[in-house]
């Protein structure tokens, strides 16, 4: 009888990744680092406004360009690779560097001249007020009236 021992799938994947890194060395690391990247976003409908959060760790405000139209938010910028000293050797770096461009389609129109932005700790938060027509309107119905709509028999 043959006894097989199965490892955790994550452990096996990590072992394969280490073997690939050993085989290709810095070439694989450099190729991955030069690949384009896209920041993660989160869009929340808060009734009268949208809250758009963009996660931009390692990106400075000077390297960002944010444009808001009536129904689309465009975010572009660059994440620069930090300079390593001559005596330092980078052993592993999962971070992707370079330029990015992200378009976020909004489900309703916004008042783009009243957008409020907050950029702190690598997180950009945009508060996007909806246009008045797109807001949820609440209408009080008067039930004290005894009149009922007529139903036509067809």
N, C-alpha and C. Protein backbone atom coordinates (compact mmCIF):
# COMPACT_ATOMS: atom_id res chain seq x y z
N UNK A 1 0.83 -1.17 0.00
CA UNK A 1 0.00 0.00 0.00
C UNK A 1 0.89 1.24 0.00
N UNK A 2 0.52 2.19 -0.84
CA UNK A 2 1.27 3.43 -0.93
C UNK A 2 0.56 4.47 -0.07
N UNK A 3 1.32 5.13 0.76
CA UNK A 3 0.76 6.18 1.62
C UNK A 3 1.21 7.52 1.06
N UNK A 4 0.25 8.36 0.77
CA UNK A 4 0.57 9.70 0.26
C UNK A 4 0.20 10.72 1.32
N UNK A 5 1.07 11.66 1.48
CA UNK A 5 0.84 12.72 2.45
C UNK A 5 0.51 13.99 1.68
N UNK A 6 -0.67 14.57 1.91
CA UNK A 6 -1.09 15.80 1.23
C UNK A 6 -0.83 16.99 2.15
N UNK A 7 -0.22 17.98 1.56
CA UNK A 7 0.06 19.20 2.30
C UNK A 7 -1.04 20.22 2.08
N UNK A 8 -1.00 21.22 2.86
CA UNK A 8 -1.91 22.35 2.69
C UNK A 8 -1.67 22.96 1.31
N UNK A 9 -2.73 23.25 0.51
CA UNK A 9 -2.54 23.79 -0.84
C UNK A 9 -1.72 25.08 -0.85
N UNK A 10 -1.90 25.93 0.13
CA UNK A 10 -1.15 27.19 0.19
C UNK A 10 0.34 26.90 0.36
N UNK A 11 0.66 25.94 1.19
CA UNK A 11 2.07 25.57 1.39
C UNK A 11 2.68 25.07 0.09
N UNK A 12 1.91 24.26 -0.66
CA UNK A 12 2.42 23.74 -1.93
C UNK A 12 2.61 24.86 -2.95
N UNK A 13 1.67 25.81 -3.00
CA UNK A 13 1.79 26.94 -3.93
C UNK A 13 3.01 27.78 -3.57
N UNK A 14 3.23 28.03 -2.28
CA UNK A 14 4.39 28.80 -1.86
C UNK A 14 5.69 28.08 -2.21
N UNK A 15 5.71 26.76 -2.12
CA UNK A 15 6.90 26.00 -2.47
C UNK A 15 7.19 26.13 -3.97
N UNK A 16 6.15 26.05 -4.80
CA UNK A 16 6.33 26.22 -6.24
C UNK A 16 6.82 27.62 -6.56
N UNK A 17 6.27 28.62 -5.89
CA UNK A 17 6.70 30.01 -6.13
C UNK A 17 8.18 30.18 -5.76
N UNK A 18 8.60 29.57 -4.64
CA UNK A 18 10.02 29.67 -4.26
C UNK A 18 10.91 29.01 -5.32
N UNK A 19 10.46 27.88 -5.86
CA UNK A 19 11.24 27.20 -6.90
C UNK A 19 11.36 28.06 -8.16
N UNK A 20 10.27 28.72 -8.53
CA UNK A 20 10.29 29.60 -9.71
C UNK A 20 11.22 30.78 -9.44
N UNK A 21 11.13 31.37 -8.25
CA UNK A 21 12.01 32.49 -7.90
C UNK A 21 13.47 32.06 -7.92
N UNK A 22 13.75 30.86 -7.44
CA UNK A 22 15.13 30.37 -7.46
C UNK A 22 15.61 30.15 -8.89
N UNK A 23 14.72 29.65 -9.76
CA UNK A 23 15.10 29.36 -11.13
C UNK A 23 15.31 30.63 -11.95
N UNK A 24 14.44 31.60 -11.77
CA UNK A 24 14.50 32.80 -12.61
C UNK A 24 15.12 34.00 -11.91
N UNK A 25 15.25 33.95 -10.61
CA UNK A 25 15.93 34.99 -9.86
C UNK A 25 15.34 36.37 -10.05
N UNK A 26 16.22 37.35 -10.25
CA UNK A 26 15.81 38.74 -10.36
C UNK A 26 14.99 39.02 -11.61
N UNK A 27 15.14 38.19 -12.65
CA UNK A 27 14.39 38.42 -13.88
C UNK A 27 12.89 38.41 -13.62
N UNK A 28 12.38 37.40 -12.89
CA UNK A 28 10.94 37.30 -12.62
C UNK A 28 10.49 38.45 -11.74
N UNK A 29 11.30 38.82 -10.77
CA UNK A 29 10.94 39.92 -9.87
C UNK A 29 10.83 41.23 -10.64
N UNK A 30 11.78 41.50 -11.52
CA UNK A 30 11.76 42.74 -12.31
C UNK A 30 10.58 42.75 -13.28
N UNK A 31 10.28 41.61 -13.91
CA UNK A 31 9.17 41.55 -14.86
C UNK A 31 7.85 41.83 -14.17
N UNK A 32 7.66 41.27 -12.99
CA UNK A 32 6.42 41.52 -12.25
C UNK A 32 6.34 42.97 -11.78
N UNK A 33 7.46 43.53 -11.37
CA UNK A 33 7.46 44.90 -10.86
C UNK A 33 7.13 45.91 -11.94
N UNK A 34 7.47 45.61 -13.21
CA UNK A 34 7.21 46.55 -14.29
C UNK A 34 5.79 46.44 -14.84
N UNK A 35 5.03 45.44 -14.40
CA UNK A 35 3.67 45.26 -14.91
C UNK A 35 2.78 46.39 -14.41
N UNK A 36 1.77 46.73 -15.22
CA UNK A 36 0.83 47.76 -14.81
C UNK A 36 0.05 47.30 -13.59
N UNK A 37 -0.45 48.26 -12.86
CA UNK A 37 -1.25 47.94 -11.68
C UNK A 37 -2.46 48.86 -11.64
N UNK A 38 -3.45 48.45 -10.90
CA UNK A 38 -4.67 49.22 -10.76
C UNK A 38 -5.02 49.31 -9.28
N UNK A 39 -5.22 50.52 -8.76
CA UNK A 39 -5.58 50.62 -7.35
C UNK A 39 -6.99 50.09 -7.09
N UNK A 40 -7.19 49.57 -5.91
CA UNK A 40 -8.50 49.08 -5.51
C UNK A 40 -9.41 50.26 -5.17
N UNK A 41 -10.69 50.13 -5.48
CA UNK A 41 -11.66 51.18 -5.19
C UNK A 41 -12.87 50.58 -4.48
N UNK A 42 -13.58 51.45 -3.77
CA UNK A 42 -14.83 51.07 -3.09
C UNK A 42 -15.81 52.20 -3.28
N UNK A 43 -16.99 51.90 -3.82
CA UNK A 43 -18.02 52.91 -4.06
C UNK A 43 -19.24 52.56 -3.22
N UNK A 44 -19.68 53.52 -2.40
CA UNK A 44 -20.81 53.31 -1.51
C UNK A 44 -21.86 54.38 -1.78
N UNK A 45 -23.11 53.96 -1.93
CA UNK A 45 -24.23 54.89 -2.09
C UNK A 45 -24.75 55.23 -0.71
N UNK A 46 -24.66 56.51 -0.33
CA UNK A 46 -25.08 56.94 1.00
C UNK A 46 -26.36 57.78 0.95
N UNK A 47 -27.18 57.52 -0.02
CA UNK A 47 -28.44 58.26 -0.13
C UNK A 47 -28.31 59.48 -1.00
N UNK A 48 -27.87 60.60 -0.43
CA UNK A 48 -27.74 61.86 -1.17
C UNK A 48 -26.37 62.03 -1.81
N UNK A 49 -25.46 61.09 -1.55
CA UNK A 49 -24.11 61.21 -2.09
C UNK A 49 -23.48 59.83 -2.24
N UNK A 50 -22.44 59.78 -3.05
CA UNK A 50 -21.62 58.58 -3.18
C UNK A 50 -20.33 58.84 -2.41
N UNK A 51 -19.80 57.79 -1.79
CA UNK A 51 -18.50 57.84 -1.14
C UNK A 51 -17.58 56.90 -1.90
N UNK A 52 -16.57 57.47 -2.58
CA UNK A 52 -15.62 56.69 -3.37
C UNK A 52 -14.29 56.68 -2.63
N UNK A 53 -13.80 55.49 -2.33
CA UNK A 53 -12.53 55.33 -1.63
C UNK A 53 -11.57 54.62 -2.57
N UNK A 54 -10.36 55.21 -2.74
CA UNK A 54 -9.34 54.64 -3.61
C UNK A 54 -8.10 54.39 -2.75
N UNK A 55 -7.59 53.17 -2.80
CA UNK A 55 -6.45 52.78 -1.97
C UNK A 55 -5.16 52.95 -2.77
N UNK A 56 -4.33 53.91 -2.34
CA UNK A 56 -3.15 54.33 -3.11
C UNK A 56 -1.89 54.32 -2.26
N UNK A 57 -1.61 53.24 -1.59
CA UNK A 57 -0.42 53.16 -0.74
C UNK A 57 0.83 53.45 -1.56
N UNK A 58 1.68 54.30 -1.05
CA UNK A 58 2.93 54.62 -1.71
C UNK A 58 2.85 55.66 -2.81
N UNK A 59 1.67 56.25 -3.02
CA UNK A 59 1.50 57.28 -4.04
C UNK A 59 1.37 58.63 -3.33
N UNK A 60 2.11 59.63 -3.81
CA UNK A 60 2.02 60.96 -3.20
C UNK A 60 0.93 61.76 -3.91
N UNK A 61 0.40 62.75 -3.23
CA UNK A 61 -0.66 63.59 -3.80
C UNK A 61 -0.17 64.32 -5.05
N UNK A 62 1.12 64.65 -5.09
CA UNK A 62 1.67 65.35 -6.25
C UNK A 62 1.67 64.48 -7.51
N UNK A 63 1.63 63.16 -7.32
CA UNK A 63 1.65 62.23 -8.46
C UNK A 63 0.26 61.76 -8.87
N UNK A 64 -0.79 62.42 -8.36
CA UNK A 64 -2.17 62.03 -8.67
C UNK A 64 -2.86 63.06 -9.54
N UNK A 65 -3.74 62.58 -10.41
CA UNK A 65 -4.62 63.45 -11.20
C UNK A 65 -6.03 62.86 -11.09
N UNK A 66 -6.94 63.63 -10.49
CA UNK A 66 -8.32 63.18 -10.29
C UNK A 66 -9.23 64.13 -11.03
N UNK A 67 -10.10 63.56 -11.88
CA UNK A 67 -11.06 64.36 -12.63
C UNK A 67 -12.44 63.73 -12.46
N UNK A 68 -13.45 64.60 -12.23
CA UNK A 68 -14.81 64.12 -12.02
C UNK A 68 -15.72 64.79 -13.04
N UNK A 69 -16.43 63.96 -13.82
CA UNK A 69 -17.46 64.49 -14.72
C UNK A 69 -18.80 64.16 -14.07
N UNK A 70 -19.88 64.33 -14.80
CA UNK A 70 -21.20 64.11 -14.23
C UNK A 70 -21.44 62.66 -13.83
N UNK A 71 -20.81 61.70 -14.53
CA UNK A 71 -21.09 60.30 -14.23
C UNK A 71 -19.86 59.39 -14.22
N UNK A 72 -18.66 59.95 -14.30
CA UNK A 72 -17.43 59.15 -14.30
C UNK A 72 -16.35 59.86 -13.47
N UNK A 73 -15.61 59.07 -12.70
CA UNK A 73 -14.44 59.58 -11.98
C UNK A 73 -13.21 58.94 -12.61
N UNK A 74 -12.22 59.78 -12.97
CA UNK A 74 -10.98 59.32 -13.56
C UNK A 74 -9.84 59.58 -12.58
N UNK A 75 -9.11 58.53 -12.23
CA UNK A 75 -7.96 58.65 -11.33
C UNK A 75 -6.75 58.11 -12.06
N UNK A 76 -5.71 58.92 -12.16
CA UNK A 76 -4.47 58.45 -12.77
C UNK A 76 -3.30 58.98 -11.95
N UNK A 77 -2.18 58.31 -12.09
CA UNK A 77 -1.01 58.74 -11.34
C UNK A 77 0.13 57.76 -11.51
N UNK A 78 1.11 57.91 -10.63
CA UNK A 78 2.31 57.09 -10.70
C UNK A 78 2.77 56.72 -9.30
N UNK A 79 3.13 55.46 -9.14
CA UNK A 79 3.77 55.03 -7.89
C UNK A 79 5.22 54.77 -8.23
N UNK A 80 6.12 55.55 -7.64
CA UNK A 80 7.55 55.47 -7.93
C UNK A 80 8.24 54.47 -7.02
N UNK A 81 9.20 53.77 -7.60
CA UNK A 81 9.99 52.81 -6.82
C UNK A 81 10.94 53.57 -5.89
N UNK A 82 10.94 53.22 -4.61
CA UNK A 82 11.87 53.88 -3.69
C UNK A 82 13.31 53.53 -4.04
N UNK A 83 14.18 54.49 -3.90
CA UNK A 83 15.60 54.28 -4.21
C UNK A 83 16.27 53.46 -3.11
N UNK A 84 16.99 52.44 -3.52
CA UNK A 84 17.76 51.64 -2.58
C UNK A 84 19.20 52.13 -2.58
N UNK A 85 19.82 52.11 -1.43
CA UNK A 85 21.22 52.53 -1.36
C UNK A 85 22.10 51.46 -2.00
N UNK A 86 23.32 51.83 -2.30
CA UNK A 86 24.25 50.90 -2.95
C UNK A 86 24.55 49.69 -2.07
N UNK A 87 24.54 49.88 -0.75
CA UNK A 87 24.86 48.78 0.15
C UNK A 87 23.65 47.88 0.43
N UNK A 88 22.46 48.35 0.05
CA UNK A 88 21.26 47.56 0.31
C UNK A 88 20.91 46.70 -0.90
N UNK A 89 20.39 45.51 -0.64
CA UNK A 89 19.97 44.62 -1.71
C UNK A 89 18.53 44.22 -1.43
N UNK A 90 17.64 44.52 -2.37
CA UNK A 90 16.24 44.16 -2.21
C UNK A 90 16.12 42.66 -2.44
N UNK A 91 15.62 41.96 -1.44
CA UNK A 91 15.49 40.51 -1.55
C UNK A 91 14.14 40.09 -2.11
N UNK A 92 13.12 40.85 -1.82
CA UNK A 92 11.78 40.51 -2.31
C UNK A 92 10.93 41.77 -2.30
N UNK A 93 10.17 41.98 -3.38
CA UNK A 93 9.31 43.16 -3.46
C UNK A 93 8.07 42.81 -4.29
N UNK A 94 6.92 42.66 -3.65
CA UNK A 94 5.65 42.36 -4.32
C UNK A 94 4.98 43.59 -4.90
N UNK A 95 5.44 44.76 -4.51
CA UNK A 95 4.77 45.99 -4.89
C UNK A 95 4.93 46.26 -6.37
N UNK A 96 3.85 46.70 -6.99
CA UNK A 96 3.91 47.08 -8.41
C UNK A 96 4.09 48.59 -8.50
N UNK A 97 4.94 49.00 -9.41
CA UNK A 97 5.26 50.41 -9.58
C UNK A 97 4.92 50.84 -10.99
N UNK A 98 4.87 52.13 -11.17
CA UNK A 98 4.61 52.67 -12.49
C UNK A 98 3.32 53.46 -12.51
N UNK A 99 2.87 53.75 -13.71
CA UNK A 99 1.67 54.57 -13.84
C UNK A 99 0.42 53.70 -13.86
N UNK A 100 -0.70 54.33 -13.52
CA UNK A 100 -1.98 53.64 -13.52
C UNK A 100 -3.05 54.62 -13.98
N UNK A 101 -4.18 54.07 -14.41
CA UNK A 101 -5.33 54.88 -14.79
C UNK A 101 -6.56 54.06 -14.47
N UNK A 102 -7.49 54.65 -13.73
CA UNK A 102 -8.70 53.93 -13.32
C UNK A 102 -9.91 54.81 -13.59
N UNK A 103 -10.93 54.25 -14.26
CA UNK A 103 -12.19 54.94 -14.48
C UNK A 103 -13.25 54.26 -13.63
N UNK A 104 -14.04 55.06 -12.92
CA UNK A 104 -15.12 54.52 -12.11
C UNK A 104 -16.42 55.13 -12.62
N UNK A 105 -17.29 54.29 -13.17
CA UNK A 105 -18.59 54.74 -13.65
C UNK A 105 -19.54 54.88 -12.46
N UNK A 106 -20.23 56.00 -12.40
CA UNK A 106 -21.18 56.24 -11.31
C UNK A 106 -22.59 55.90 -11.78
N UNK A 107 -23.39 55.27 -10.93
CA UNK A 107 -24.74 54.87 -11.35
C UNK A 107 -25.70 56.04 -11.54
N UNK A 108 -25.44 57.17 -10.89
CA UNK A 108 -26.26 58.38 -11.03
C UNK A 108 -25.35 59.58 -11.23
N UNK A 109 -25.91 60.66 -11.74
CA UNK A 109 -25.14 61.88 -11.94
C UNK A 109 -24.76 62.53 -10.62
N UNK A 110 -23.62 63.22 -10.62
CA UNK A 110 -23.15 63.92 -9.42
C UNK A 110 -22.91 65.39 -9.75
N UNK A 111 -22.89 66.18 -8.70
CA UNK A 111 -22.57 67.61 -8.83
C UNK A 111 -21.05 67.72 -8.74
N UNK A 112 -20.39 67.67 -9.89
CA UNK A 112 -18.93 67.59 -9.90
C UNK A 112 -18.25 68.87 -9.40
N UNK A 113 -18.97 69.97 -9.30
CA UNK A 113 -18.37 71.19 -8.77
C UNK A 113 -18.44 71.26 -7.24
N UNK A 114 -19.02 70.24 -6.60
CA UNK A 114 -19.13 70.23 -5.14
C UNK A 114 -18.48 68.99 -4.52
N UNK A 115 -17.56 68.38 -5.22
CA UNK A 115 -16.88 67.19 -4.72
C UNK A 115 -15.90 67.58 -3.61
N UNK A 116 -15.88 66.79 -2.55
CA UNK A 116 -14.96 67.01 -1.44
C UNK A 116 -13.96 65.85 -1.43
N UNK A 117 -12.66 66.17 -1.42
CA UNK A 117 -11.61 65.15 -1.45
C UNK A 117 -10.81 65.19 -0.15
N UNK A 118 -10.42 63.99 0.31
CA UNK A 118 -9.56 63.86 1.47
C UNK A 118 -8.52 62.79 1.15
N UNK A 119 -7.23 63.15 1.23
CA UNK A 119 -6.15 62.20 0.94
C UNK A 119 -5.25 62.10 2.17
N UNK A 120 -5.32 60.96 2.84
CA UNK A 120 -4.51 60.77 4.05
C UNK A 120 -4.10 59.30 4.16
N UNK A 121 -2.85 59.07 4.52
CA UNK A 121 -2.31 57.72 4.77
C UNK A 121 -2.50 56.79 3.57
N UNK A 122 -2.37 57.32 2.36
CA UNK A 122 -2.48 56.50 1.16
C UNK A 122 -3.89 56.14 0.75
N UNK A 123 -4.88 56.78 1.35
CA UNK A 123 -6.28 56.52 1.02
C UNK A 123 -6.92 57.82 0.57
N UNK A 124 -7.44 57.83 -0.66
CA UNK A 124 -8.15 58.98 -1.20
C UNK A 124 -9.65 58.73 -1.06
N UNK A 125 -10.35 59.65 -0.41
CA UNK A 125 -11.79 59.54 -0.24
C UNK A 125 -12.45 60.72 -0.93
N UNK A 126 -13.37 60.43 -1.84
CA UNK A 126 -14.12 61.46 -2.55
C UNK A 126 -15.58 61.38 -2.12
N UNK A 127 -16.12 62.50 -1.68
CA UNK A 127 -17.54 62.61 -1.39
C UNK A 127 -18.18 63.28 -2.59
N UNK A 128 -19.07 62.55 -3.27
CA UNK A 128 -19.65 63.00 -4.53
C UNK A 128 -21.16 63.22 -4.34
N UNK A 129 -21.60 64.47 -4.13
CA UNK A 129 -23.03 64.72 -3.95
C UNK A 129 -23.80 64.45 -5.23
N UNK A 130 -24.92 63.74 -5.10
CA UNK A 130 -25.75 63.44 -6.27
C UNK A 130 -26.48 64.70 -6.73
N UNK A 131 -26.81 64.73 -8.03
CA UNK A 131 -27.64 65.82 -8.52
C UNK A 131 -29.02 65.66 -7.89
N UNK A 132 -29.72 66.76 -7.73
CA UNK A 132 -30.99 66.75 -7.00
C UNK A 132 -31.98 65.76 -7.61
N UNK A 133 -32.02 65.64 -8.93
CA UNK A 133 -32.97 64.74 -9.58
C UNK A 133 -32.69 63.27 -9.25
N UNK A 134 -31.46 62.93 -8.93
CA UNK A 134 -31.09 61.54 -8.70
C UNK A 134 -31.25 61.13 -7.24
N UNK A 135 -31.48 62.06 -6.34
CA UNK A 135 -31.62 61.73 -4.93
C UNK A 135 -32.95 61.03 -4.68
N UNK A 136 -32.95 60.20 -3.67
CA UNK A 136 -34.19 59.54 -3.29
C UNK A 136 -35.11 60.57 -2.65
N UNK A 137 -36.24 60.79 -3.28
CA UNK A 137 -37.21 61.74 -2.74
C UNK A 137 -38.28 60.97 -1.98
N UNK A 138 -38.64 61.49 -0.82
CA UNK A 138 -39.69 60.89 -0.01
C UNK A 138 -40.92 61.77 -0.13
N UNK A 139 -42.02 61.17 -0.49
CA UNK A 139 -43.27 61.91 -0.66
C UNK A 139 -44.27 61.38 0.35
N UNK A 140 -44.86 62.27 1.15
CA UNK A 140 -45.88 61.88 2.13
C UNK A 140 -47.20 61.73 1.40
N UNK A 141 -47.85 60.59 1.60
CA UNK A 141 -49.13 60.30 0.98
C UNK A 141 -50.24 60.58 2.00
N UNK A 142 -51.20 61.39 1.58
CA UNK A 142 -52.33 61.73 2.45
C UNK A 142 -53.38 60.64 2.37
N UNK A 143 -53.57 59.91 3.46
CA UNK A 143 -54.53 58.82 3.50
C UNK A 143 -55.88 59.24 4.07
N UNK A 144 -55.99 60.50 4.48
CA UNK A 144 -57.25 60.97 5.07
C UNK A 144 -58.31 61.21 4.02
N UNK A 145 -57.93 61.28 2.77
CA UNK A 145 -58.88 61.50 1.70
C UNK A 145 -59.68 60.23 1.46
N UNK A 146 -61.00 60.37 1.29
CA UNK A 146 -61.86 59.20 1.08
C UNK A 146 -61.99 58.84 -0.38
N UNK A 147 -61.44 59.65 -1.24
CA UNK A 147 -61.52 59.36 -2.67
C UNK A 147 -60.54 58.24 -3.02
N UNK A 148 -61.01 57.33 -3.84
CA UNK A 148 -60.15 56.26 -4.34
C UNK A 148 -60.15 56.32 -5.84
N UNK A 149 -59.04 55.94 -6.45
CA UNK A 149 -59.00 55.98 -7.92
C UNK A 149 -59.99 54.96 -8.50
N UNK A 150 -60.56 55.32 -9.61
CA UNK A 150 -61.51 54.44 -10.27
C UNK A 150 -60.77 53.35 -11.01
N UNK A 151 -61.30 52.16 -10.94
CA UNK A 151 -60.71 51.05 -11.67
C UNK A 151 -61.64 50.70 -12.81
N UNK A 152 -61.15 50.75 -13.99
CA UNK A 152 -61.96 50.44 -15.16
C UNK A 152 -61.92 48.96 -15.44
N UNK A 153 -63.09 48.41 -15.64
CA UNK A 153 -63.16 46.98 -16.00
C UNK A 153 -62.95 46.86 -17.48
N UNK A 154 -62.16 45.94 -17.91
CA UNK A 154 -61.84 45.86 -19.32
C UNK A 154 -62.34 44.69 -19.98
